[in-house]
Amino acid sequence: MIRRSLAALALVAITCASRSAGAEPTLAEKASARTMLDDGYAVLERDPKQALKLFLAADATMKVPTTALAVGRAQAASGLLVEARDTLVAVTREPEKAGEPAPFRRAREDAATLLRDVEARLPTLRIDVQRDGNEPFTVRLDGQALALDALGKPRRVNPGHHVVVVTRGASAISGEIDVAEHDDRPLVIRLEGTAAKPEAPPAPSAGRSPLVYIGFGTAAAFTITGSVTGILAITAKGGSAIANGCVQNACGPGAHDAVDNAKLLATVSTVSFIVAGAGAALGVVGLFVSDGHAATAATIEPYLSATGGGLRGSF
């Protein structure tokens, strides 16, 4: 019954009205607008989106408060509360004209009443972007660009699902949220910083300590030296000079040089094996200290003297 009364008032207004701007609608256009309004109110409750299409077409022809009010009603019934608010605000703010039909005044009053209801139902969304650095970025809500100074402030949105996309440089981060009527919801999007940061020192090398190569290299070299000189010492002791010149560990003058040479080779062999052992021990130590920390520069050198031999250096 209420819907029929609204349609009747709108039809009366259309019959008496002319458009506020542009040429006077023809009788055929007025008749078409009346039909669309009548059909729209007939389906408003069960199919508000179809009613909205009919009301928009009628309002495009007439552009009067009654047709605009019908559009606002269908938008509110369709969940388009933001659009309904804008439409109803425009109706209430349209100045009254001298001699206008009474239904126009009634339409403004009805629009004000409906506007209060729509504003109470409207949800709000507060979008905030947290970031590091000062690199510029853009924000889009459901595909529409947002002013950055509006961030953090309540923004009227329609009930339903919303997508916010924040773009900075070549990267984009999105956030999604569902809001219902009367809601006041926050949505915070965090951007990882792209500003230059102090470069971290390079990770220490996990390679072998120089002690490994120095120790085992020394061990290998002096093992060879000890083996060669040991073989030469054994060969010298079995030589003809010592065999012919020495009887029961007593050697004559002619065998002294051969005996001294054999002793020297034996000493060198012994010391070489000692140095090789020390080098092997140093290599083992190097394996244990190869823990990824920077090694201190080391200098190592073998030495040989009349009293012995070994390795010496600084670490």
Protein backbone atom coordinates (compact mmCIF):
# COMPACT_ATOMS: atom_id res chain seq x y z
CA MET A 1 0.00 0.00 0.00
CA ILE A 2 2.83 2.39 0.93
CA ARG A 3 4.66 1.55 -2.28
CA ARG A 4 1.53 2.28 -4.33
CA SER A 5 1.08 5.64 -2.58
CA LEU A 6 4.69 6.59 -3.30
CA ALA A 7 4.31 5.59 -6.92
CA ALA A 8 1.07 7.59 -7.20
CA LEU A 9 2.69 10.72 -5.77
CA ALA A 10 5.64 10.35 -8.10
CA LEU A 11 3.34 9.93 -11.07
CA VAL A 12 1.40 13.06 -10.19
CA ALA A 13 4.62 15.00 -9.84
CA ILE A 14 5.86 13.77 -13.19
CA THR A 15 2.65 14.81 -14.85
CA CYS A 16 2.95 18.35 -13.49
CA ALA A 17 6.71 18.78 -13.69
CA SER A 18 9.26 19.75 -16.22
CA ARG A 19 12.95 19.10 -16.13
CA SER A 20 15.09 21.52 -14.12
CA ALA A 21 17.53 21.83 -16.96
CA GLY A 22 17.28 21.27 -20.65
CA ALA A 23 14.26 20.95 -22.87
CA GLU A 24 10.79 20.14 -21.63
CA PRO A 25 10.20 16.36 -21.75
CA THR A 26 7.68 15.33 -24.34
CA LEU A 27 4.40 13.70 -23.43
CA ALA A 28 5.79 10.38 -24.63
CA GLU A 29 8.87 10.76 -22.40
CA LYS A 30 6.70 11.62 -19.40
CA ALA A 31 4.53 8.60 -20.08
CA SER A 32 7.60 6.37 -20.33
CA ALA A 33 8.98 7.77 -17.03
CA ARG A 34 5.63 7.17 -15.33
CA THR A 35 5.65 3.56 -16.52
CA MET A 36 9.22 2.97 -15.33
CA LEU A 37 8.45 4.44 -11.91
CA ASP A 38 5.32 2.33 -11.59
CA ASP A 39 7.18 -0.83 -12.64
CA GLY A 40 10.12 0.01 -10.38
CA TYR A 41 8.02 0.42 -7.24
CA ALA A 42 6.24 -2.84 -8.12
CA VAL A 43 9.50 -4.82 -7.91
CA LEU A 44 11.40 -2.72 -5.35
CA GLU A 45 11.01 -5.11 -2.43
CA ARG A 46 11.82 -8.35 -4.25
CA ASP A 47 14.35 -7.06 -6.80
CA PRO A 48 15.78 -3.68 -5.76
CA LYS A 49 18.54 -3.80 -8.38
CA GLN A 50 16.02 -4.10 -11.19
CA ALA A 51 14.00 -1.30 -9.60
CA LEU A 52 17.15 0.82 -9.49
CA LYS A 53 17.64 0.44 -13.24
CA LEU A 54 14.08 1.58 -13.89
CA PHE A 55 14.32 4.52 -11.48
CA LEU A 56 17.63 5.69 -12.96
CA ALA A 57 16.12 5.68 -16.43
CA ALA A 58 13.09 7.65 -15.22
CA ASP A 59 15.28 10.16 -13.37
CA ALA A 60 17.47 10.63 -16.42
CA THR A 61 14.35 11.84 -18.23
CA MET A 62 12.70 13.91 -15.50
CA LYS A 63 15.47 14.98 -13.06
CA VAL A 64 12.98 15.91 -10.33
CA PRO A 65 12.95 15.23 -6.54
CA THR A 66 10.43 12.40 -6.78
CA THR A 67 12.45 10.38 -9.31
CA ALA A 68 15.70 11.10 -7.43
CA LEU A 69 14.07 9.92 -4.19
CA ALA A 70 13.06 6.70 -5.93
CA VAL A 71 16.69 6.19 -6.99
CA GLY A 72 17.86 6.73 -3.39
CA ARG A 73 15.32 4.20 -2.09
CA ALA A 74 16.47 1.53 -4.55
CA GLN A 75 20.14 2.20 -3.82
CA ALA A 76 19.56 1.81 -0.06
CA ALA A 77 17.58 -1.39 -0.63
CA SER A 78 20.40 -2.74 -2.83
CA GLY A 79 23.06 -2.17 -0.15
CA LEU A 80 24.57 0.78 -2.00
CA LEU A 81 24.45 2.95 1.09
CA VAL A 82 27.22 5.33 0.02
CA GLU A 83 25.49 6.05 -3.28
CA ALA A 84 22.11 6.31 -1.57
CA ARG A 85 23.47 8.87 0.89
CA ASP A 86 24.85 11.02 -1.93
CA THR A 87 21.56 10.83 -3.83
CA LEU A 88 19.44 11.70 -0.78
CA VAL A 89 21.72 14.58 0.25
CA ALA A 90 21.28 16.04 -3.24
CA VAL A 91 17.49 15.77 -2.93
CA THR A 92 17.37 17.49 0.45
CA ARG A 93 19.65 20.29 -0.74
CA GLU A 94 17.73 21.04 -3.92
CA PRO A 95 16.14 24.46 -3.37
CA GLU A 96 12.38 24.73 -3.48
CA LYS A 97 11.04 26.49 -6.54
CA ALA A 98 8.04 28.78 -6.69
CA GLY A 99 4.92 27.02 -7.77
CA GLU A 100 6.42 23.51 -7.66
CA PRO A 101 4.07 20.56 -7.03
CA ALA A 102 3.44 19.46 -3.44
CA PRO A 103 4.90 15.98 -4.08
CA PHE A 104 8.32 17.63 -4.54
CA ARG A 105 8.18 19.08 -1.01
CA ARG A 106 7.04 15.72 0.28
CA ALA A 107 9.94 14.06 -1.58
CA ARG A 108 12.49 16.29 0.20
CA GLU A 109 10.97 15.47 3.58
CA ASP A 110 10.99 11.76 2.83
CA ALA A 111 14.58 12.02 1.58
CA ALA A 112 15.68 13.64 4.87
CA THR A 113 14.03 10.85 6.87
CA LEU A 114 15.56 8.12 4.74
CA LEU A 115 18.94 9.88 4.87
CA ARG A 116 19.06 9.60 8.66
CA ASP A 117 18.39 5.87 8.42
CA VAL A 118 21.04 5.35 5.74
CA GLU A 119 23.71 7.27 7.67
CA ALA A 120 23.01 5.17 10.76
CA ARG A 121 23.50 1.99 8.74
CA LEU A 122 26.64 3.10 6.91
CA PRO A 123 29.79 1.23 7.99
CA THR A 124 33.16 2.97 8.13
CA LEU A 125 36.62 1.68 7.30
CA ARG A 126 39.86 3.17 8.66
CA ILE A 127 42.81 2.34 6.42
CA ASP A 128 46.33 2.82 7.73
CA VAL A 129 49.69 2.08 6.11
CA GLN A 130 52.76 1.40 8.22
CA ARG A 131 56.10 1.61 6.46
CA ASP A 132 59.82 2.22 6.78
CA GLY A 133 61.63 4.84 4.76
CA ASN A 134 60.24 7.68 2.69
CA GLU A 135 59.66 6.04 -0.67
CA PRO A 136 56.34 7.26 -2.13
CA PHE A 137 53.38 4.91 -2.38
CA THR A 138 49.78 4.88 -3.61
CA VAL A 139 46.63 3.38 -2.11
CA ARG A 140 43.56 2.09 -3.95
CA LEU A 141 40.29 0.97 -2.36
CA ASP A 142 38.26 -1.33 -4.60
CA GLY A 143 40.17 0.05 -7.57
CA GLN A 144 39.68 3.72 -6.68
CA ALA A 145 42.66 5.89 -5.72
CA LEU A 146 42.65 7.28 -2.18
CA ALA A 147 44.21 10.53 -1.02
CA LEU A 148 47.04 9.82 1.39
CA ASP A 149 45.82 12.46 3.85
CA ALA A 150 42.64 10.38 4.28
CA LEU A 151 44.59 7.44 5.72
CA GLY A 152 43.73 6.64 9.31
CA LYS A 153 40.43 8.50 9.13
CA PRO A 154 36.97 6.88 9.03
CA ARG A 155 35.76 6.41 5.47
CA ARG A 156 32.17 5.50 4.60
CA VAL A 157 31.95 2.28 2.61
CA ASN A 158 29.20 -0.05 1.50
CA PRO A 159 28.60 -3.27 3.43
CA GLY A 160 30.43 -6.21 1.93
CA HIS A 161 33.91 -7.25 0.80
CA HIS A 162 36.61 -4.66 0.15
CA VAL A 163 40.15 -4.85 -1.23
CA VAL A 164 42.90 -2.32 -0.50
CA VAL A 165 46.07 -2.33 -2.63
CA VAL A 166 49.17 -0.38 -1.61
CA THR A 167 51.77 0.05 -4.34
CA ARG A 168 55.33 1.19 -3.79
CA GLY A 169 57.77 1.00 -6.65
CA ALA A 170 57.37 -2.31 -8.43
CA SER A 171 55.80 -4.09 -5.45
CA ALA A 172 52.18 -4.16 -4.33
CA ILE A 173 50.62 -5.45 -1.12
CA SER A 174 46.88 -6.04 -0.76
CA GLY A 175 44.58 -6.35 2.21
CA GLU A 176 41.00 -7.64 2.23
CA ILE A 177 38.21 -7.10 4.74
CA ASP A 178 34.48 -7.72 5.11
CA VAL A 179 32.29 -5.10 6.78
CA ALA A 180 28.66 -5.17 7.82
CA GLU A 181 26.17 -2.38 8.41
CA HIS A 182 27.01 -0.18 11.44
CA ASP A 183 30.62 -1.50 11.53
CA ASP A 184 33.67 0.66 12.23
CA ARG A 185 36.61 -1.48 11.13
CA PRO A 186 40.35 -0.81 10.94
CA LEU A 187 42.60 -2.23 8.22
CA VAL A 188 46.37 -1.90 8.68
CA ILE A 189 48.79 -2.74 5.88
CA ARG A 190 52.48 -3.03 6.69
CA LEU A 191 55.13 -2.35 4.08
CA GLU A 192 58.62 -3.73 4.49
CA GLY A 193 61.25 -1.00 4.31
CA THR A 194 63.15 -0.54 1.08
CA ALA A 195 65.34 2.28 2.35
CA ALA A 196 69.05 1.64 2.30
CA LYS A 197 70.29 0.01 5.45
CA PRO A 198 73.84 -0.22 6.75
CA GLU A 199 75.46 -3.09 4.96
CA ALA A 200 76.24 -5.96 7.27
CA PRO A 201 79.88 -7.01 7.37
CA PRO A 202 80.61 -10.03 5.19
CA ALA A 203 80.24 -13.33 6.93
CA PRO A 204 83.55 -14.82 7.93
CA SER A 205 84.87 -17.42 5.58
CA ALA A 206 84.31 -20.99 6.57
CA GLY A 207 87.50 -22.09 4.72
CA ARG A 208 90.43 -23.98 6.20
CA SER A 209 92.90 -22.26 8.48
CA PRO A 210 96.32 -21.56 6.91
CA LEU A 211 97.77 -23.72 9.68
CA VAL A 212 96.30 -26.78 7.97
CA TYR A 213 98.22 -26.22 4.75
CA ILE A 214 101.42 -25.08 6.44
CA GLY A 215 101.43 -27.97 8.93
CA PHE A 216 100.61 -30.81 6.60
CA GLY A 217 102.78 -29.32 3.84
CA THR A 218 105.74 -29.21 6.20
CA ALA A 219 105.02 -32.75 7.37
CA ALA A 220 104.99 -34.06 3.81
CA ALA A 221 108.18 -32.25 2.81
CA PHE A 222 110.20 -33.31 5.84
CA THR A 223 108.88 -36.88 5.71
CA ILE A 224 110.38 -37.13 2.24
CA THR A 225 113.62 -35.48 3.45
CA GLY A 226 113.85 -37.82 6.43
CA SER A 227 113.20 -40.87 4.32
CA VAL A 228 115.82 -39.96 1.71
CA THR A 229 118.52 -39.01 4.23
CA GLY A 230 117.72 -42.12 6.29
CA ILE A 231 118.23 -44.35 3.29
CA LEU A 232 121.49 -42.53 2.46
CA ALA A 233 122.70 -42.93 6.06
CA ILE A 234 122.02 -46.68 5.99
CA THR A 235 123.74 -46.98 2.63
CA ALA A 236 126.77 -45.01 3.89
CA LYS A 237 127.18 -47.21 6.96
CA GLY A 238 127.24 -50.30 4.76
CA GLY A 239 129.70 -48.78 2.29
CA SER A 240 133.16 -50.22 1.61
CA ALA A 241 135.02 -47.36 3.34
CA ILE A 242 133.41 -48.08 6.70
CA ALA A 243 133.30 -51.84 6.19
CA ASN A 244 137.03 -52.02 5.38
CA GLY A 245 138.19 -49.30 7.76
CA CYS A 246 136.29 -50.25 10.92
CA VAL A 247 136.78 -53.37 13.04
CA GLN A 248 134.61 -53.95 16.13
CA ASN A 249 133.40 -50.31 16.20
CA ALA A 250 136.97 -49.05 15.98
CA CYS A 251 137.66 -47.11 12.79
CA GLY A 252 140.93 -46.04 11.35
CA PRO A 253 141.76 -42.56 10.02
CA GLY A 254 140.75 -43.54 6.50
CA ALA A 255 137.18 -44.28 7.57
CA HIS A 256 136.56 -41.15 9.68
CA ASP A 257 135.11 -39.06 6.85
CA ALA A 258 132.72 -41.83 5.83
CA VAL A 259 131.61 -42.33 9.41
CA ASP A 260 131.01 -38.59 9.93
CA ASN A 261 129.04 -38.39 6.72
CA ALA A 262 126.84 -41.33 7.76
CA LYS A 263 126.21 -39.79 11.19
CA LEU A 264 125.28 -36.45 9.63
CA LEU A 265 122.80 -38.11 7.28
CA ALA A 266 121.30 -40.03 10.18
CA THR A 267 120.97 -36.84 12.23
CA VAL A 268 119.35 -35.01 9.34
CA SER A 269 116.94 -37.91 8.85
CA THR A 270 116.03 -37.94 12.53
CA VAL A 271 115.50 -34.18 12.69
CA SER A 272 113.44 -34.28 9.49
CA PHE A 273 111.09 -36.83 10.96
CA ILE A 274 110.80 -34.71 14.11
CA VAL A 275 109.94 -31.66 12.04
CA ALA A 276 107.48 -33.72 10.00
CA GLY A 277 105.79 -34.82 13.22
CA ALA A 278 105.59 -31.22 14.43
CA GLY A 279 104.12 -30.18 11.08
CA ALA A 280 101.48 -32.89 11.28
CA ALA A 281 100.57 -31.75 14.78
CA LEU A 282 100.26 -28.17 13.54
CA GLY A 283 97.98 -29.33 10.72
CA VAL A 284 95.72 -31.10 13.18
CA VAL A 285 95.54 -27.92 15.27
CA GLY A 286 94.60 -26.03 12.12
CA LEU A 287 91.68 -28.39 11.53
CA PHE A 288 90.29 -27.63 14.97
CA VAL A 289 90.56 -23.84 14.63
CA SER A 290 88.90 -23.83 11.18
CA ASP A 291 85.59 -22.62 12.68
CA GLY A 292 84.83 -19.80 10.27
CA HIS A 293 86.57 -17.02 12.24
CA ALA A 294 89.17 -14.93 10.52
CA ALA A 295 92.60 -16.41 11.19
CA THR A 296 95.46 -14.24 12.32
CA ALA A 297 98.31 -14.05 9.86
CA ALA A 298 100.91 -16.66 10.72
CA THR A 299 104.54 -17.10 9.69
CA ILE A 300 106.13 -20.52 10.18
CA GLU A 301 109.51 -21.81 9.07
CA PRO A 302 111.42 -24.96 9.82
CA TYR A 303 114.89 -24.71 11.30
CA LEU A 304 117.82 -27.05 11.59
CA SER A 305 120.80 -26.68 13.88
CA ALA A 306 123.63 -28.73 15.29
CA THR A 307 121.58 -29.44 18.39
CA GLY A 308 118.29 -30.31 16.70
CA GLY A 309 115.48 -28.90 14.55
CA GLY A 310 111.82 -28.03 14.48
CA LEU A 311 109.36 -25.28 13.49
CA ARG A 312 109.40 -21.66 14.56
CA GLY A 313 107.24 -18.69 13.72
CA SER A 314 104.66 -16.19 14.93
CA PHE A 315 100.85 -16.60 15.25
